[in-house]
Amino acid sequence: MAADPIVFAMANPTPEIDPEIAGPYVKVMATGRSDFPNQINNVLCFPGIFRGALDCGATEINEDMKLAAAEAISSVIDVSDLHETYIMPNAFDPRVVERIREAVIRAVLKSGVARIGALMENN
């Protein structure tokens, strides 16, 4: 294994690698579950993606929107706050949905898939 490994054990409900067992051997451990640090799960992105898409009448969910959502999630945690057990914001952090929503609306408008584009650009 590489020095300072990062493990994303994404299987739910039981991660393919038990975080309690792997913990001492990895630098960063993340799972899809909320009862372990660093939850990586669609619960982080879906509310903001869909709120943004609905707010501007997006005709599709495209790669630009997904990338915008990922960047928005990463913007919630200040670099100075990052550490091994805090690489992902909490799904209930009120900033998460709003930042994703705003980023998705910008991506929708930029990629030309908004039905309500003129209205959104004026607000």
N, C-alpha and C. Protein backbone atom coordinates (compact mmCIF):
# COMPACT_ATOMS: atom_id res chain seq x y z
N MET A 1 0.84 -1.17 0.00
CA MET A 1 0.00 0.00 0.00
C MET A 1 0.89 1.24 0.00
N ALA A 2 0.40 2.29 -0.63
CA ALA A 2 1.15 3.54 -0.69
C ALA A 2 1.25 4.18 0.69
N ALA A 3 2.23 5.05 0.83
CA ALA A 3 2.34 5.81 2.08
C ALA A 3 1.14 6.74 2.20
N ASP A 4 0.61 6.89 3.39
CA ASP A 4 -0.55 7.75 3.64
C ASP A 4 -1.72 7.46 2.70
N PRO A 5 -2.20 6.22 2.67
CA PRO A 5 -3.29 5.87 1.75
C PRO A 5 -4.61 6.55 2.11
N ILE A 6 -5.41 6.76 1.08
CA ILE A 6 -6.76 7.30 1.22
C ILE A 6 -7.70 6.20 0.76
N VAL A 7 -8.68 5.87 1.59
CA VAL A 7 -9.63 4.80 1.26
C VAL A 7 -11.04 5.37 1.25
N PHE A 8 -11.73 5.19 0.12
CA PHE A 8 -13.14 5.52 0.01
C PHE A 8 -13.90 4.21 -0.09
N ALA A 9 -14.45 3.75 1.01
CA ALA A 9 -15.22 2.50 1.05
C ALA A 9 -16.69 2.86 0.88
N MET A 10 -17.19 2.75 -0.33
CA MET A 10 -18.48 3.33 -0.67
C MET A 10 -19.68 2.39 -0.57
N ALA A 11 -19.47 1.11 -0.38
CA ALA A 11 -20.60 0.17 -0.32
C ALA A 11 -21.49 0.49 0.88
N ASN A 12 -22.78 0.43 0.67
CA ASN A 12 -23.76 0.64 1.73
C ASN A 12 -24.69 -0.55 1.82
N PRO A 13 -25.15 -0.95 2.95
CA PRO A 13 -24.94 -0.29 4.23
C PRO A 13 -23.64 -0.69 4.92
N THR A 14 -22.96 -1.70 4.41
CA THR A 14 -21.73 -2.16 5.04
C THR A 14 -20.54 -1.85 4.13
N PRO A 15 -19.63 -0.96 4.55
CA PRO A 15 -18.46 -0.67 3.73
C PRO A 15 -17.65 -1.93 3.46
N GLU A 16 -17.07 -2.03 2.27
CA GLU A 16 -16.28 -3.20 1.91
C GLU A 16 -15.03 -3.37 2.77
N ILE A 17 -14.61 -2.28 3.41
CA ILE A 17 -13.50 -2.32 4.36
C ILE A 17 -14.01 -1.67 5.64
N ASP A 18 -13.94 -2.37 6.74
CA ASP A 18 -14.42 -1.84 8.00
C ASP A 18 -13.53 -0.67 8.44
N PRO A 19 -14.09 0.52 8.60
CA PRO A 19 -13.28 1.68 9.00
C PRO A 19 -12.56 1.49 10.33
N GLU A 20 -13.16 0.73 11.23
CA GLU A 20 -12.52 0.48 12.53
C GLU A 20 -11.24 -0.35 12.35
N ILE A 21 -11.26 -1.26 11.41
CA ILE A 21 -10.09 -2.11 11.16
C ILE A 21 -9.06 -1.38 10.31
N ALA A 22 -9.53 -0.69 9.25
CA ALA A 22 -8.60 -0.02 8.33
C ALA A 22 -8.01 1.25 8.92
N GLY A 23 -8.74 1.90 9.83
CA GLY A 23 -8.34 3.19 10.37
C GLY A 23 -6.88 3.36 10.74
N PRO A 24 -6.30 2.43 11.48
CA PRO A 24 -4.90 2.61 11.88
C PRO A 24 -3.90 2.55 10.72
N TYR A 25 -4.34 2.04 9.58
CA TYR A 25 -3.42 1.83 8.46
C TYR A 25 -3.58 2.83 7.32
N VAL A 26 -4.54 3.73 7.43
CA VAL A 26 -4.78 4.69 6.35
C VAL A 26 -4.70 6.11 6.88
N LYS A 27 -4.38 7.03 5.99
CA LYS A 27 -4.32 8.45 6.36
C LYS A 27 -5.73 9.05 6.42
N VAL A 28 -6.54 8.74 5.39
CA VAL A 28 -7.90 9.26 5.30
C VAL A 28 -8.83 8.10 4.99
N MET A 29 -9.93 8.02 5.73
CA MET A 29 -10.93 6.99 5.51
C MET A 29 -12.27 7.68 5.30
N ALA A 30 -12.98 7.29 4.25
CA ALA A 30 -14.32 7.82 4.00
C ALA A 30 -15.24 6.67 3.62
N THR A 31 -16.50 6.80 3.99
CA THR A 31 -17.48 5.78 3.64
C THR A 31 -18.74 6.49 3.14
N GLY A 32 -19.73 5.71 2.75
CA GLY A 32 -21.01 6.27 2.35
C GLY A 32 -21.96 6.43 3.51
N ARG A 33 -21.48 6.19 4.72
CA ARG A 33 -22.36 6.18 5.89
C ARG A 33 -22.15 7.41 6.77
N SER A 34 -23.23 7.85 7.38
CA SER A 34 -23.18 9.04 8.23
C SER A 34 -22.63 8.76 9.63
N ASP A 35 -22.51 7.51 10.00
CA ASP A 35 -22.01 7.21 11.35
C ASP A 35 -20.49 7.09 11.41
N PHE A 36 -19.82 7.38 10.30
CA PHE A 36 -18.36 7.46 10.25
C PHE A 36 -17.99 8.84 9.71
N PRO A 37 -16.81 9.35 10.05
CA PRO A 37 -16.39 10.63 9.48
C PRO A 37 -16.28 10.55 7.96
N ASN A 38 -16.35 11.69 7.33
CA ASN A 38 -16.15 11.81 5.88
C ASN A 38 -17.18 11.02 5.06
N GLN A 39 -18.44 11.28 5.32
CA GLN A 39 -19.48 10.61 4.54
C GLN A 39 -19.47 11.13 3.11
N ILE A 40 -19.28 10.23 2.16
CA ILE A 40 -19.36 10.56 0.74
C ILE A 40 -20.58 9.82 0.21
N ASN A 41 -21.64 10.56 -0.04
CA ASN A 41 -22.90 9.94 -0.37
C ASN A 41 -23.71 10.92 -1.21
N ASN A 42 -24.63 10.39 -2.00
CA ASN A 42 -25.44 11.26 -2.84
C ASN A 42 -26.31 12.22 -2.03
N VAL A 43 -26.47 11.96 -0.74
CA VAL A 43 -27.23 12.88 0.11
C VAL A 43 -26.58 14.26 0.14
N LEU A 44 -25.28 14.33 -0.13
CA LEU A 44 -24.59 15.62 -0.18
C LEU A 44 -24.98 16.44 -1.40
N CYS A 45 -25.13 15.79 -2.54
CA CYS A 45 -25.29 16.56 -3.77
C CYS A 45 -26.71 16.61 -4.32
N PHE A 46 -27.49 15.58 -4.16
CA PHE A 46 -28.79 15.54 -4.83
C PHE A 46 -29.71 16.70 -4.47
N PRO A 47 -29.87 17.08 -3.20
CA PRO A 47 -30.79 18.20 -2.93
C PRO A 47 -30.41 19.49 -3.66
N GLY A 48 -29.14 19.84 -3.65
CA GLY A 48 -28.70 21.07 -4.31
C GLY A 48 -28.76 20.99 -5.82
N ILE A 49 -28.38 19.84 -6.37
CA ILE A 49 -28.44 19.67 -7.83
C ILE A 49 -29.88 19.81 -8.30
N PHE A 50 -30.79 19.10 -7.67
CA PHE A 50 -32.18 19.14 -8.12
C PHE A 50 -32.83 20.49 -7.83
N ARG A 51 -32.51 21.13 -6.71
CA ARG A 51 -33.07 22.45 -6.43
C ARG A 51 -32.61 23.44 -7.50
N GLY A 52 -31.33 23.42 -7.83
CA GLY A 52 -30.81 24.32 -8.87
C GLY A 52 -31.41 24.02 -10.23
N ALA A 53 -31.51 22.74 -10.57
CA ALA A 53 -32.08 22.36 -11.87
C ALA A 53 -33.54 22.77 -11.97
N LEU A 54 -34.29 22.56 -10.91
CA LEU A 54 -35.71 22.94 -10.92
C LEU A 54 -35.90 24.46 -10.95
N ASP A 55 -35.05 25.17 -10.22
CA ASP A 55 -35.19 26.63 -10.15
C ASP A 55 -35.02 27.31 -11.49
N CYS A 56 -34.25 26.73 -12.38
CA CYS A 56 -34.05 27.37 -13.69
C CYS A 56 -34.60 26.52 -14.83
N GLY A 57 -35.36 25.50 -14.51
CA GLY A 57 -35.99 24.69 -15.55
C GLY A 57 -35.01 23.95 -16.43
N ALA A 58 -33.98 23.39 -15.84
CA ALA A 58 -32.98 22.65 -16.64
C ALA A 58 -33.66 21.50 -17.37
N THR A 59 -33.26 21.31 -18.61
CA THR A 59 -33.84 20.24 -19.42
C THR A 59 -33.09 18.93 -19.26
N GLU A 60 -31.96 18.97 -18.56
CA GLU A 60 -31.17 17.76 -18.33
C GLU A 60 -30.23 18.00 -17.16
N ILE A 61 -29.66 16.93 -16.66
CA ILE A 61 -28.57 17.00 -15.69
C ILE A 61 -27.32 16.62 -16.48
N ASN A 62 -26.42 17.59 -16.68
CA ASN A 62 -25.25 17.33 -17.52
C ASN A 62 -23.95 17.32 -16.69
N GLU A 63 -22.87 17.01 -17.36
CA GLU A 63 -21.57 16.91 -16.67
C GLU A 63 -21.15 18.24 -16.07
N ASP A 64 -21.45 19.35 -16.75
CA ASP A 64 -21.09 20.66 -16.20
C ASP A 64 -21.77 20.89 -14.85
N MET A 65 -23.01 20.46 -14.74
CA MET A 65 -23.76 20.62 -13.50
C MET A 65 -23.17 19.74 -12.40
N LYS A 66 -22.78 18.53 -12.75
CA LYS A 66 -22.20 17.62 -11.76
C LYS A 66 -20.85 18.14 -11.26
N LEU A 67 -20.03 18.63 -12.19
CA LEU A 67 -18.74 19.20 -11.79
C LEU A 67 -18.93 20.45 -10.93
N ALA A 68 -19.90 21.27 -11.30
CA ALA A 68 -20.19 22.47 -10.50
C ALA A 68 -20.60 22.07 -9.09
N ALA A 69 -21.39 21.02 -8.97
CA ALA A 69 -21.81 20.55 -7.65
C ALA A 69 -20.62 20.06 -6.84
N ALA A 70 -19.73 19.31 -7.47
CA ALA A 70 -18.54 18.81 -6.77
C ALA A 70 -17.67 19.96 -6.28
N GLU A 71 -17.47 20.95 -7.14
CA GLU A 71 -16.66 22.10 -6.74
C GLU A 71 -17.34 22.88 -5.62
N ALA A 72 -18.65 22.98 -5.67
CA ALA A 72 -19.39 23.68 -4.61
C ALA A 72 -19.24 22.95 -3.28
N ILE A 73 -19.33 21.63 -3.31
CA ILE A 73 -19.15 20.85 -2.08
C ILE A 73 -17.76 21.11 -1.51
N SER A 74 -16.76 21.11 -2.38
CA SER A 74 -15.39 21.31 -1.89
C SER A 74 -15.19 22.72 -1.34
N SER A 75 -15.99 23.68 -1.78
CA SER A 75 -15.83 25.06 -1.32
C SER A 75 -16.38 25.29 0.09
N VAL A 76 -17.15 24.35 0.59
CA VAL A 76 -17.76 24.53 1.91
C VAL A 76 -16.73 24.45 3.02
N ILE A 77 -15.72 23.62 2.85
CA ILE A 77 -14.69 23.47 3.88
C ILE A 77 -13.49 24.34 3.54
N ASP A 78 -13.12 25.19 4.46
CA ASP A 78 -11.93 26.01 4.28
C ASP A 78 -10.69 25.12 4.38
N VAL A 79 -9.71 25.38 3.55
CA VAL A 79 -8.49 24.57 3.53
C VAL A 79 -7.86 24.49 4.92
N SER A 80 -7.94 25.56 5.67
CA SER A 80 -7.33 25.55 7.01
C SER A 80 -8.06 24.62 7.98
N ASP A 81 -9.28 24.24 7.64
CA ASP A 81 -10.06 23.33 8.50
C ASP A 81 -9.92 21.86 8.11
N LEU A 82 -9.32 21.59 6.97
CA LEU A 82 -9.18 20.20 6.52
C LEU A 82 -8.29 19.38 7.45
N HIS A 83 -8.72 18.17 7.73
CA HIS A 83 -7.87 17.20 8.41
C HIS A 83 -8.40 15.81 8.08
N GLU A 84 -7.75 14.78 8.55
CA GLU A 84 -8.05 13.41 8.14
C GLU A 84 -9.51 13.01 8.35
N THR A 85 -10.14 13.53 9.37
CA THR A 85 -11.54 13.15 9.61
C THR A 85 -12.52 14.23 9.18
N TYR A 86 -12.03 15.21 8.41
CA TYR A 86 -12.92 16.28 7.93
C TYR A 86 -12.49 16.71 6.54
N ILE A 87 -12.82 15.87 5.55
CA ILE A 87 -12.55 16.22 4.15
C ILE A 87 -13.85 16.49 3.40
N MET A 88 -14.97 16.15 4.02
CA MET A 88 -16.29 16.35 3.41
C MET A 88 -17.18 17.10 4.40
N PRO A 89 -17.96 18.08 3.90
CA PRO A 89 -18.87 18.75 4.83
C PRO A 89 -19.98 17.81 5.27
N ASN A 90 -20.58 18.12 6.37
CA ASN A 90 -21.72 17.36 6.85
C ASN A 90 -22.91 17.60 5.92
N ALA A 91 -23.65 16.56 5.63
CA ALA A 91 -24.80 16.68 4.73
C ALA A 91 -25.84 17.67 5.25
N PHE A 92 -25.84 17.92 6.55
CA PHE A 92 -26.82 18.84 7.13
C PHE A 92 -26.28 20.24 7.34
N ASP A 93 -25.07 20.49 6.86
CA ASP A 93 -24.52 21.84 6.91
C ASP A 93 -25.38 22.71 5.98
N PRO A 94 -25.98 23.77 6.48
CA PRO A 94 -26.90 24.56 5.66
C PRO A 94 -26.25 25.21 4.44
N ARG A 95 -24.94 25.32 4.42
CA ARG A 95 -24.26 25.92 3.27
C ARG A 95 -24.22 24.99 2.07
N VAL A 96 -24.30 23.69 2.30
CA VAL A 96 -24.10 22.72 1.22
C VAL A 96 -25.14 22.87 0.12
N VAL A 97 -26.40 22.78 0.45
CA VAL A 97 -27.46 22.83 -0.57
C VAL A 97 -27.42 24.16 -1.31
N GLU A 98 -27.28 25.26 -0.58
CA GLU A 98 -27.32 26.57 -1.23
C GLU A 98 -26.13 26.78 -2.17
N ARG A 99 -24.95 26.38 -1.75
CA ARG A 99 -23.78 26.54 -2.64
C ARG A 99 -23.92 25.68 -3.89
N ILE A 100 -24.40 24.47 -3.72
CA ILE A 100 -24.60 23.60 -4.88
C ILE A 100 -25.67 24.19 -5.78
N ARG A 101 -26.78 24.62 -5.21
CA ARG A 101 -27.87 25.20 -6.00
C ARG A 101 -27.37 26.36 -6.86
N GLU A 102 -26.63 27.28 -6.25
CA GLU A 102 -26.11 28.43 -6.98
C GLU A 102 -25.15 28.00 -8.08
N ALA A 103 -24.26 27.08 -7.78
CA ALA A 103 -23.29 26.61 -8.77
C ALA A 103 -23.98 25.89 -9.93
N VAL A 104 -24.99 25.10 -9.61
CA VAL A 104 -25.72 24.37 -10.65
C VAL A 104 -26.47 25.35 -11.55
N ILE A 105 -27.10 26.36 -10.98
CA ILE A 105 -27.80 27.35 -11.81
C ILE A 105 -26.82 28.01 -12.77
N ARG A 106 -25.64 28.39 -12.28
CA ARG A 106 -24.64 29.00 -13.18
C ARG A 106 -24.25 28.02 -14.29
N ALA A 107 -24.06 26.75 -13.94
CA ALA A 107 -23.68 25.75 -14.94
C ALA A 107 -24.80 25.52 -15.95
N VAL A 108 -26.03 25.52 -15.48
CA VAL A 108 -27.19 25.34 -16.38
C VAL A 108 -27.24 26.49 -17.37
N LEU A 109 -27.12 27.71 -16.87
CA LEU A 109 -27.17 28.87 -17.76
C LEU A 109 -26.02 28.86 -18.75
N LYS A 110 -24.83 28.55 -18.26
CA LYS A 110 -23.64 28.53 -19.13
C LYS A 110 -23.73 27.45 -20.19
N SER A 111 -24.29 26.30 -19.84
CA SER A 111 -24.35 25.19 -20.80
C SER A 111 -25.60 25.25 -21.68
N GLY A 112 -26.46 26.24 -21.46
CA GLY A 112 -27.58 26.46 -22.35
C GLY A 112 -28.73 25.48 -22.23
N VAL A 113 -28.91 24.88 -21.06
CA VAL A 113 -30.00 23.91 -20.91
C VAL A 113 -31.11 24.43 -19.99
N ALA A 114 -31.16 25.75 -19.80
CA ALA A 114 -32.19 26.34 -18.94
C ALA A 114 -33.40 26.75 -19.76
N ARG A 115 -34.58 26.44 -19.26
CA ARG A 115 -35.80 26.93 -19.89
C ARG A 115 -36.19 28.28 -19.32
N ILE A 116 -35.67 28.61 -18.15
CA ILE A 116 -36.03 29.86 -17.49
C ILE A 116 -34.78 30.74 -17.39
N GLY A 117 -33.92 30.67 -18.37
CA GLY A 117 -32.63 31.36 -18.32
C GLY A 117 -32.72 32.85 -18.20
N ALA A 118 -33.55 33.49 -18.99
CA ALA A 118 -33.63 34.95 -18.95
C ALA A 118 -34.13 35.42 -17.59
N LEU A 119 -35.09 34.72 -17.04
CA LEU A 119 -35.62 35.06 -15.72
C LEU A 119 -34.53 34.91 -14.67
N MET A 120 -33.77 33.82 -14.70
CA MET A 120 -32.73 33.56 -13.71
C MET A 120 -31.60 34.58 -13.81
N GLU A 121 -31.23 34.96 -15.03
CA GLU A 121 -30.13 35.91 -15.21
C GLU A 121 -30.48 37.28 -14.66
N ASN A 122 -31.76 37.61 -14.61
CA ASN A 122 -32.18 38.92 -14.12
C ASN A 122 -32.40 38.94 -12.61
N ASN A 123 -32.28 37.80 -11.94
CA ASN A 123 -32.48 37.73 -10.48
C ASN A 123 -31.17 37.63 -9.75
